[in-house]
N, C-alpha and C. Protein backbone atom coordinates (compact mmCIF):
# COMPACT_ATOMS: atom_id res chain seq x y z
N MET A 1 -15.86 43.34 78.03
CA MET A 1 -14.68 44.00 77.49
C MET A 1 -14.88 44.16 75.99
N GLY A 2 -14.69 45.38 75.48
CA GLY A 2 -14.86 45.65 74.06
C GLY A 2 -13.72 45.10 73.23
N GLU A 3 -13.93 45.08 71.92
CA GLU A 3 -12.92 44.55 71.00
C GLU A 3 -11.58 45.26 71.14
N GLU A 4 -11.63 46.60 71.27
CA GLU A 4 -10.38 47.36 71.37
C GLU A 4 -9.62 46.98 72.62
N ALA A 5 -10.33 46.86 73.74
CA ALA A 5 -9.67 46.50 75.00
C ALA A 5 -9.10 45.10 74.92
N GLN A 6 -9.80 44.18 74.27
CA GLN A 6 -9.29 42.83 74.10
C GLN A 6 -8.00 42.85 73.29
N ALA A 7 -7.99 43.61 72.21
CA ALA A 7 -6.80 43.69 71.36
C ALA A 7 -5.64 44.34 72.11
N ASP A 8 -5.92 45.37 72.90
CA ASP A 8 -4.87 46.04 73.65
C ASP A 8 -4.29 45.15 74.75
N ALA A 9 -5.04 44.16 75.20
CA ALA A 9 -4.59 43.29 76.28
C ALA A 9 -3.75 42.11 75.80
N ILE A 10 -3.59 41.94 74.50
CA ILE A 10 -2.86 40.79 73.97
C ILE A 10 -1.45 40.70 74.52
N ALA A 11 -0.75 41.81 74.56
CA ALA A 11 0.64 41.79 75.02
C ALA A 11 0.74 41.27 76.45
N ALA A 12 -0.09 41.78 77.33
CA ALA A 12 -0.02 41.38 78.73
C ALA A 12 -0.63 40.00 78.97
N MET A 13 -1.82 39.79 78.48
CA MET A 13 -2.53 38.54 78.77
C MET A 13 -2.01 37.36 77.96
N GLY A 14 -1.59 37.62 76.75
CA GLY A 14 -1.11 36.53 75.90
C GLY A 14 0.39 36.35 75.96
N ARG A 15 1.04 37.22 76.71
CA ARG A 15 2.51 37.18 76.83
C ARG A 15 3.17 37.15 75.45
N ARG A 16 2.67 38.04 74.60
CA ARG A 16 3.18 38.15 73.23
C ARG A 16 3.58 39.59 72.98
N ARG A 17 4.58 39.75 72.15
CA ARG A 17 4.93 41.10 71.70
C ARG A 17 3.92 41.52 70.66
N VAL A 18 3.65 42.81 70.62
CA VAL A 18 2.77 43.36 69.59
C VAL A 18 3.56 44.41 68.82
N LEU A 19 3.25 44.56 67.55
CA LEU A 19 3.93 45.55 66.73
C LEU A 19 3.58 46.96 67.18
N VAL A 20 2.30 47.20 67.40
CA VAL A 20 1.83 48.52 67.83
C VAL A 20 0.47 48.33 68.50
N ALA A 21 0.19 49.17 69.48
CA ALA A 21 -1.11 49.19 70.14
C ALA A 21 -1.36 50.61 70.63
N ARG A 22 -2.62 50.99 70.66
CA ARG A 22 -2.97 52.35 71.08
C ARG A 22 -2.39 52.70 72.44
N GLU A 23 -2.41 51.77 73.36
CA GLU A 23 -1.96 52.08 74.71
C GLU A 23 -0.47 52.40 74.78
N TYR A 24 0.28 52.05 73.74
CA TYR A 24 1.72 52.35 73.73
C TYR A 24 2.04 53.61 72.93
N ALA A 25 1.04 54.28 72.39
CA ALA A 25 1.27 55.41 71.49
C ALA A 25 1.37 56.75 72.21
N LEU A 26 1.50 56.75 73.51
CA LEU A 26 1.66 58.00 74.25
C LEU A 26 3.07 58.52 74.06
N ALA A 27 3.19 59.80 73.77
CA ALA A 27 4.49 60.39 73.41
C ALA A 27 5.30 60.80 74.64
N TYR A 28 5.84 59.84 75.34
CA TYR A 28 6.69 60.15 76.48
C TYR A 28 8.08 60.59 76.04
N HIS A 29 8.53 60.07 74.94
CA HIS A 29 9.86 60.39 74.44
C HIS A 29 9.77 60.46 72.92
N LEU A 30 10.36 61.47 72.31
CA LEU A 30 10.20 61.66 70.86
C LEU A 30 10.74 60.49 70.04
N ASP A 31 11.88 59.93 70.43
CA ASP A 31 12.42 58.79 69.68
C ASP A 31 11.48 57.59 69.77
N TYR A 32 10.94 57.36 70.95
CA TYR A 32 10.00 56.27 71.15
C TYR A 32 8.76 56.49 70.30
N TYR A 33 8.20 57.68 70.37
CA TYR A 33 7.00 57.97 69.61
C TYR A 33 7.26 57.90 68.11
N GLY A 34 8.44 58.31 67.68
CA GLY A 34 8.80 58.21 66.26
C GLY A 34 8.75 56.77 65.79
N GLU A 35 9.24 55.85 66.62
CA GLU A 35 9.19 54.42 66.27
C GLU A 35 7.74 53.93 66.23
N VAL A 36 6.93 54.34 67.19
CA VAL A 36 5.52 53.95 67.20
C VAL A 36 4.81 54.48 65.96
N GLN A 37 5.10 55.73 65.59
CA GLN A 37 4.50 56.30 64.38
C GLN A 37 4.90 55.50 63.14
N ARG A 38 6.18 55.18 63.02
CA ARG A 38 6.66 54.44 61.84
C ARG A 38 5.98 53.07 61.77
N ARG A 39 5.93 52.38 62.89
CA ARG A 39 5.29 51.05 62.91
C ARG A 39 3.81 51.15 62.56
N THR A 40 3.15 52.17 63.11
CA THR A 40 1.72 52.32 62.85
C THR A 40 1.46 52.64 61.38
N ARG A 41 2.25 53.53 60.81
CA ARG A 41 2.10 53.83 59.36
C ARG A 41 2.35 52.57 58.52
N ASP A 42 3.40 51.82 58.85
CA ASP A 42 3.69 50.60 58.10
C ASP A 42 2.54 49.60 58.22
N LEU A 43 1.97 49.48 59.42
CA LEU A 43 0.85 48.57 59.61
C LEU A 43 -0.38 49.01 58.82
N ILE A 44 -0.69 50.29 58.86
CA ILE A 44 -1.84 50.80 58.10
C ILE A 44 -1.64 50.58 56.60
N ASP A 45 -0.43 50.87 56.11
CA ASP A 45 -0.14 50.65 54.69
C ASP A 45 -0.33 49.19 54.30
N ALA A 46 0.10 48.28 55.15
CA ALA A 46 -0.02 46.85 54.85
C ALA A 46 -1.46 46.37 55.01
N TYR A 47 -2.09 46.76 56.09
CA TYR A 47 -3.45 46.33 56.42
C TYR A 47 -4.43 46.74 55.33
N HIS A 48 -4.25 47.93 54.79
CA HIS A 48 -5.18 48.47 53.79
C HIS A 48 -4.56 48.49 52.40
N ASP A 49 -3.85 47.44 52.04
CA ASP A 49 -3.25 47.33 50.72
C ASP A 49 -4.05 46.31 49.91
N GLU A 50 -4.19 46.60 48.64
CA GLU A 50 -4.94 45.68 47.78
C GLU A 50 -4.09 44.49 47.35
N GLY A 51 -2.79 44.58 47.51
CA GLY A 51 -1.88 43.48 47.19
C GLY A 51 -1.22 42.95 48.46
N THR A 52 -0.29 42.03 48.27
CA THR A 52 0.36 41.40 49.43
C THR A 52 1.79 41.87 49.64
N ARG A 53 2.30 42.72 48.77
CA ARG A 53 3.69 43.15 48.87
C ARG A 53 3.98 43.82 50.22
N ARG A 54 3.15 44.75 50.62
CA ARG A 54 3.38 45.46 51.89
C ARG A 54 3.17 44.55 53.10
N LEU A 55 2.24 43.63 53.01
CA LEU A 55 2.05 42.66 54.10
C LEU A 55 3.30 41.81 54.27
N GLY A 56 3.83 41.31 53.15
CA GLY A 56 5.05 40.50 53.20
C GLY A 56 6.23 41.30 53.74
N ALA A 57 6.33 42.56 53.35
CA ALA A 57 7.42 43.42 53.83
C ALA A 57 7.29 43.66 55.33
N LEU A 58 6.07 43.80 55.83
CA LEU A 58 5.85 44.00 57.26
C LEU A 58 6.31 42.76 58.04
N VAL A 59 5.99 41.59 57.52
CA VAL A 59 6.43 40.34 58.16
C VAL A 59 7.95 40.28 58.20
N ASP A 60 8.58 40.58 57.08
CA ASP A 60 10.05 40.53 57.01
C ASP A 60 10.71 41.57 57.90
N ARG A 61 10.20 42.77 57.88
CA ARG A 61 10.84 43.88 58.61
C ARG A 61 10.72 43.74 60.12
N TYR A 62 9.54 43.32 60.60
CA TYR A 62 9.29 43.33 62.04
C TYR A 62 9.18 41.94 62.66
N GLY A 63 9.23 40.90 61.86
CA GLY A 63 9.11 39.56 62.42
C GLY A 63 7.71 39.22 62.90
N VAL A 64 6.71 39.81 62.26
CA VAL A 64 5.31 39.54 62.62
C VAL A 64 5.02 38.08 62.34
N ASP A 65 4.33 37.39 63.28
CA ASP A 65 3.97 36.00 63.01
C ASP A 65 2.46 35.77 62.96
N LEU A 66 1.68 36.72 63.44
CA LEU A 66 0.23 36.65 63.36
C LEU A 66 -0.34 38.04 63.09
N PHE A 67 -1.41 38.08 62.32
CA PHE A 67 -2.14 39.32 62.10
C PHE A 67 -3.50 39.19 62.78
N LEU A 68 -3.79 40.12 63.68
CA LEU A 68 -5.12 40.22 64.27
C LEU A 68 -5.92 41.13 63.35
N VAL A 69 -6.93 40.58 62.71
CA VAL A 69 -7.69 41.32 61.71
C VAL A 69 -9.08 41.61 62.27
N GLN A 70 -9.39 42.89 62.39
CA GLN A 70 -10.73 43.29 62.81
C GLN A 70 -11.52 43.62 61.54
N HIS A 71 -12.60 42.90 61.34
CA HIS A 71 -13.38 43.06 60.11
C HIS A 71 -13.88 44.50 59.94
N ALA A 72 -14.21 45.16 61.02
CA ALA A 72 -14.73 46.54 60.96
C ALA A 72 -13.71 47.52 60.39
N ALA A 73 -12.44 47.17 60.41
CA ALA A 73 -11.37 48.08 59.98
C ALA A 73 -11.40 48.37 58.48
N PHE A 74 -12.16 47.62 57.71
CA PHE A 74 -12.15 47.76 56.25
C PHE A 74 -13.34 48.55 55.71
N TYR A 75 -14.18 49.05 56.57
CA TYR A 75 -15.40 49.72 56.13
C TYR A 75 -15.49 51.11 56.76
N ALA A 76 -15.72 52.12 55.92
CA ALA A 76 -15.73 53.52 56.39
C ALA A 76 -16.67 53.75 57.57
N PRO A 77 -17.89 53.20 57.57
CA PRO A 77 -18.78 53.50 58.70
C PRO A 77 -18.33 52.87 60.03
N THR A 78 -17.49 51.84 59.99
CA THR A 78 -17.17 51.11 61.22
C THR A 78 -15.69 51.08 61.59
N PHE A 79 -14.81 51.62 60.77
CA PHE A 79 -13.38 51.46 61.04
C PHE A 79 -12.95 52.12 62.35
N ARG A 80 -13.65 53.16 62.78
CA ARG A 80 -13.26 53.83 64.03
C ARG A 80 -13.40 52.90 65.23
N ARG A 81 -14.29 51.91 65.14
CA ARG A 81 -14.40 50.92 66.21
C ARG A 81 -13.11 50.12 66.33
N ALA A 82 -12.53 49.79 65.19
CA ALA A 82 -11.32 48.97 65.19
C ALA A 82 -10.08 49.78 65.55
N TRP A 83 -9.95 50.97 65.00
CA TRP A 83 -8.73 51.76 65.18
C TRP A 83 -8.84 52.79 66.29
N GLY A 84 -10.04 53.18 66.65
CA GLY A 84 -10.21 54.21 67.68
C GLY A 84 -10.34 55.58 67.05
N SER A 85 -11.30 56.35 67.51
CA SER A 85 -11.55 57.65 66.89
C SER A 85 -10.55 58.71 67.32
N GLY A 86 -9.87 58.54 68.44
CA GLY A 86 -8.93 59.54 68.90
C GLY A 86 -7.49 59.20 68.58
N PHE A 87 -7.26 58.48 67.51
CA PHE A 87 -5.93 57.96 67.18
C PHE A 87 -5.34 58.75 66.01
N GLU A 88 -5.38 60.07 66.11
CA GLU A 88 -4.84 60.92 65.04
C GLU A 88 -3.32 60.97 65.12
N PRO A 89 -2.67 61.13 64.00
CA PRO A 89 -3.16 61.41 62.65
C PRO A 89 -3.55 60.16 61.87
N PHE A 90 -3.54 59.03 62.54
CA PHE A 90 -3.75 57.76 61.85
C PHE A 90 -5.19 57.55 61.43
N THR A 91 -6.14 58.03 62.23
CA THR A 91 -7.55 57.87 61.87
C THR A 91 -7.85 58.54 60.53
N SER A 92 -7.30 59.72 60.32
CA SER A 92 -7.50 60.43 59.05
C SER A 92 -6.85 59.69 57.88
N ALA A 93 -5.68 59.11 58.12
CA ALA A 93 -4.99 58.35 57.07
C ALA A 93 -5.81 57.13 56.66
N ILE A 94 -6.42 56.48 57.63
CA ILE A 94 -7.25 55.31 57.33
C ILE A 94 -8.52 55.74 56.59
N ALA A 95 -9.15 56.82 57.06
CA ALA A 95 -10.36 57.32 56.40
C ALA A 95 -10.10 57.62 54.93
N ALA A 96 -8.94 58.18 54.63
CA ALA A 96 -8.59 58.49 53.24
C ALA A 96 -8.47 57.22 52.40
N ARG A 97 -8.00 56.14 52.99
CA ARG A 97 -7.88 54.86 52.26
C ARG A 97 -9.24 54.22 52.00
N LEU A 98 -10.19 54.54 52.85
CA LEU A 98 -11.52 53.93 52.74
C LEU A 98 -12.50 54.82 51.98
N ASP A 99 -11.96 55.74 51.18
CA ASP A 99 -12.80 56.70 50.46
C ASP A 99 -13.63 56.07 49.36
N ARG A 100 -13.26 54.90 48.94
CA ARG A 100 -14.06 54.18 47.93
C ARG A 100 -13.96 52.68 48.22
N PRO A 101 -14.95 51.91 47.80
CA PRO A 101 -14.91 50.47 48.07
C PRO A 101 -13.73 49.80 47.37
N ARG A 102 -13.02 48.97 48.10
CA ARG A 102 -11.89 48.22 47.55
C ARG A 102 -11.90 46.83 48.15
N ARG A 103 -11.12 45.97 47.57
CA ARG A 103 -10.93 44.63 48.11
C ARG A 103 -9.50 44.56 48.61
N TYR A 104 -9.32 44.41 49.90
CA TYR A 104 -7.99 44.39 50.49
C TYR A 104 -7.49 42.96 50.61
N ALA A 105 -6.20 42.79 50.38
CA ALA A 105 -5.59 41.45 50.40
C ALA A 105 -5.82 40.75 51.73
N LEU A 106 -5.74 41.48 52.82
CA LEU A 106 -5.90 40.86 54.13
C LEU A 106 -7.30 40.28 54.32
N GLN A 107 -8.30 40.89 53.71
CA GLN A 107 -9.65 40.32 53.76
C GLN A 107 -9.70 38.96 53.07
N ASP A 108 -9.05 38.85 51.93
CA ASP A 108 -9.01 37.57 51.22
C ASP A 108 -8.24 36.53 52.02
N LEU A 109 -7.16 36.95 52.66
CA LEU A 109 -6.36 36.02 53.46
C LEU A 109 -7.13 35.52 54.67
N VAL A 110 -8.02 36.32 55.22
CA VAL A 110 -8.87 35.86 56.32
C VAL A 110 -9.72 34.69 55.84
N ARG A 111 -10.33 34.82 54.66
CA ARG A 111 -11.16 33.74 54.12
C ARG A 111 -10.34 32.50 53.80
N ARG A 112 -9.14 32.67 53.31
CA ARG A 112 -8.31 31.54 52.90
C ARG A 112 -7.68 30.78 54.05
N CYS A 113 -7.20 31.51 55.07
CA CYS A 113 -6.35 30.80 56.03
C CYS A 113 -6.41 31.30 57.46
N ALA A 114 -7.49 31.94 57.87
CA ALA A 114 -7.59 32.34 59.28
C ALA A 114 -7.61 31.10 60.16
N VAL A 115 -6.85 31.13 61.24
CA VAL A 115 -6.86 30.00 62.17
C VAL A 115 -7.98 30.16 63.19
N VAL A 116 -8.44 31.38 63.39
CA VAL A 116 -9.59 31.68 64.24
C VAL A 116 -10.34 32.83 63.56
N ASN A 117 -11.66 32.70 63.52
CA ASN A 117 -12.47 33.77 62.94
C ASN A 117 -13.83 33.74 63.62
N ASP A 118 -14.10 34.73 64.47
CA ASP A 118 -15.37 34.77 65.19
C ASP A 118 -16.39 35.69 64.53
N GLY A 119 -16.07 36.19 63.33
CA GLY A 119 -16.97 37.09 62.63
C GLY A 119 -16.70 38.55 62.92
N THR A 120 -16.00 38.83 64.00
CA THR A 120 -15.61 40.19 64.36
C THR A 120 -14.12 40.38 64.17
N MET A 121 -13.37 39.39 64.64
CA MET A 121 -11.91 39.40 64.52
C MET A 121 -11.45 38.05 64.01
N ALA A 122 -10.27 38.06 63.40
CA ALA A 122 -9.68 36.82 62.90
C ALA A 122 -8.17 36.87 63.12
N LEU A 123 -7.56 35.70 63.21
CA LEU A 123 -6.10 35.58 63.29
C LEU A 123 -5.60 34.93 62.01
N VAL A 124 -4.69 35.62 61.34
CA VAL A 124 -4.10 35.11 60.10
C VAL A 124 -2.61 34.90 60.33
N PRO A 125 -2.12 33.68 60.11
CA PRO A 125 -0.68 33.43 60.30
C PRO A 125 0.15 34.13 59.22
N ALA A 126 1.29 34.64 59.64
CA ALA A 126 2.20 35.31 58.70
C ALA A 126 2.68 34.36 57.61
N SER A 127 2.74 33.07 57.91
CA SER A 127 3.18 32.10 56.90
C SER A 127 2.24 32.12 55.70
N CYS A 128 0.96 32.31 55.93
CA CYS A 128 -0.02 32.40 54.84
C CYS A 128 0.22 33.67 54.03
N VAL A 129 0.48 34.77 54.74
CA VAL A 129 0.75 36.05 54.08
C VAL A 129 1.98 35.93 53.20
N GLN A 130 3.04 35.34 53.74
CA GLN A 130 4.29 35.20 52.97
C GLN A 130 4.11 34.29 51.77
N ALA A 131 3.37 33.20 51.94
CA ALA A 131 3.14 32.29 50.81
C ALA A 131 2.39 33.01 49.70
N ARG A 132 1.40 33.79 50.07
CA ARG A 132 0.62 34.53 49.07
C ARG A 132 1.47 35.62 48.42
N ALA A 133 2.26 36.34 49.22
CA ALA A 133 3.13 37.39 48.67
C ALA A 133 4.15 36.79 47.71
N TYR A 134 4.67 35.62 48.07
CA TYR A 134 5.64 34.93 47.21
C TYR A 134 4.99 34.52 45.89
N SER A 135 3.80 33.92 45.97
CA SER A 135 3.13 33.49 44.73
C SER A 135 2.71 34.69 43.89
N ASP A 136 2.29 35.78 44.53
CA ASP A 136 1.96 36.99 43.78
C ASP A 136 3.19 37.55 43.09
N GLY A 137 4.34 37.51 43.76
CA GLY A 137 5.60 37.99 43.18
C GLY A 137 6.01 37.17 41.98
N ILE A 138 5.85 35.86 42.07
CA ILE A 138 6.18 34.98 40.94
C ILE A 138 5.26 35.28 39.76
N ARG A 139 3.97 35.44 40.03
CA ARG A 139 3.03 35.75 38.95
C ARG A 139 3.38 37.08 38.28
N THR A 140 3.74 38.07 39.09
CA THR A 140 4.09 39.39 38.55
C THR A 140 5.32 39.28 37.66
N GLN A 141 6.33 38.53 38.08
CA GLN A 141 7.55 38.37 37.29
C GLN A 141 7.26 37.62 36.00
N GLN A 142 6.37 36.63 36.04
CA GLN A 142 6.08 35.83 34.86
C GLN A 142 5.30 36.63 33.82
N THR A 143 4.54 37.63 34.25
CA THR A 143 3.73 38.39 33.30
C THR A 143 4.49 39.55 32.67
N ARG A 144 5.72 39.80 33.13
CA ARG A 144 6.52 40.91 32.56
C ARG A 144 7.10 40.55 31.22
């Protein structure tokens, strides 16, 4: 089973809710698809942010408690493995973010506090994200 199939099976096999998954992005109903689009855009914005503000906002808004981080998602040559090549318009949005090398906050959080990291995927607890977002917010306020 490939990485994408493993990630898509989390909801069923792990008996956990997921914020968004490719298998749920079929447009059966416009209101439903609108919600999937909004969640996917929010996730992409947070996942590929150089700071922690958007990650913290995602946790607060949706009640996320774990981030499944695919290492391939941060590199232009390999991100299609993580997100899927037929996942438009989101694939293009991600490609635009990867137009130049950057250091994304979620990559640093994987190194700091992943509870599982097999070199391909990692699990980062939302509590770590929130702690980092909080400390970043305090630092930002102190430097003003």
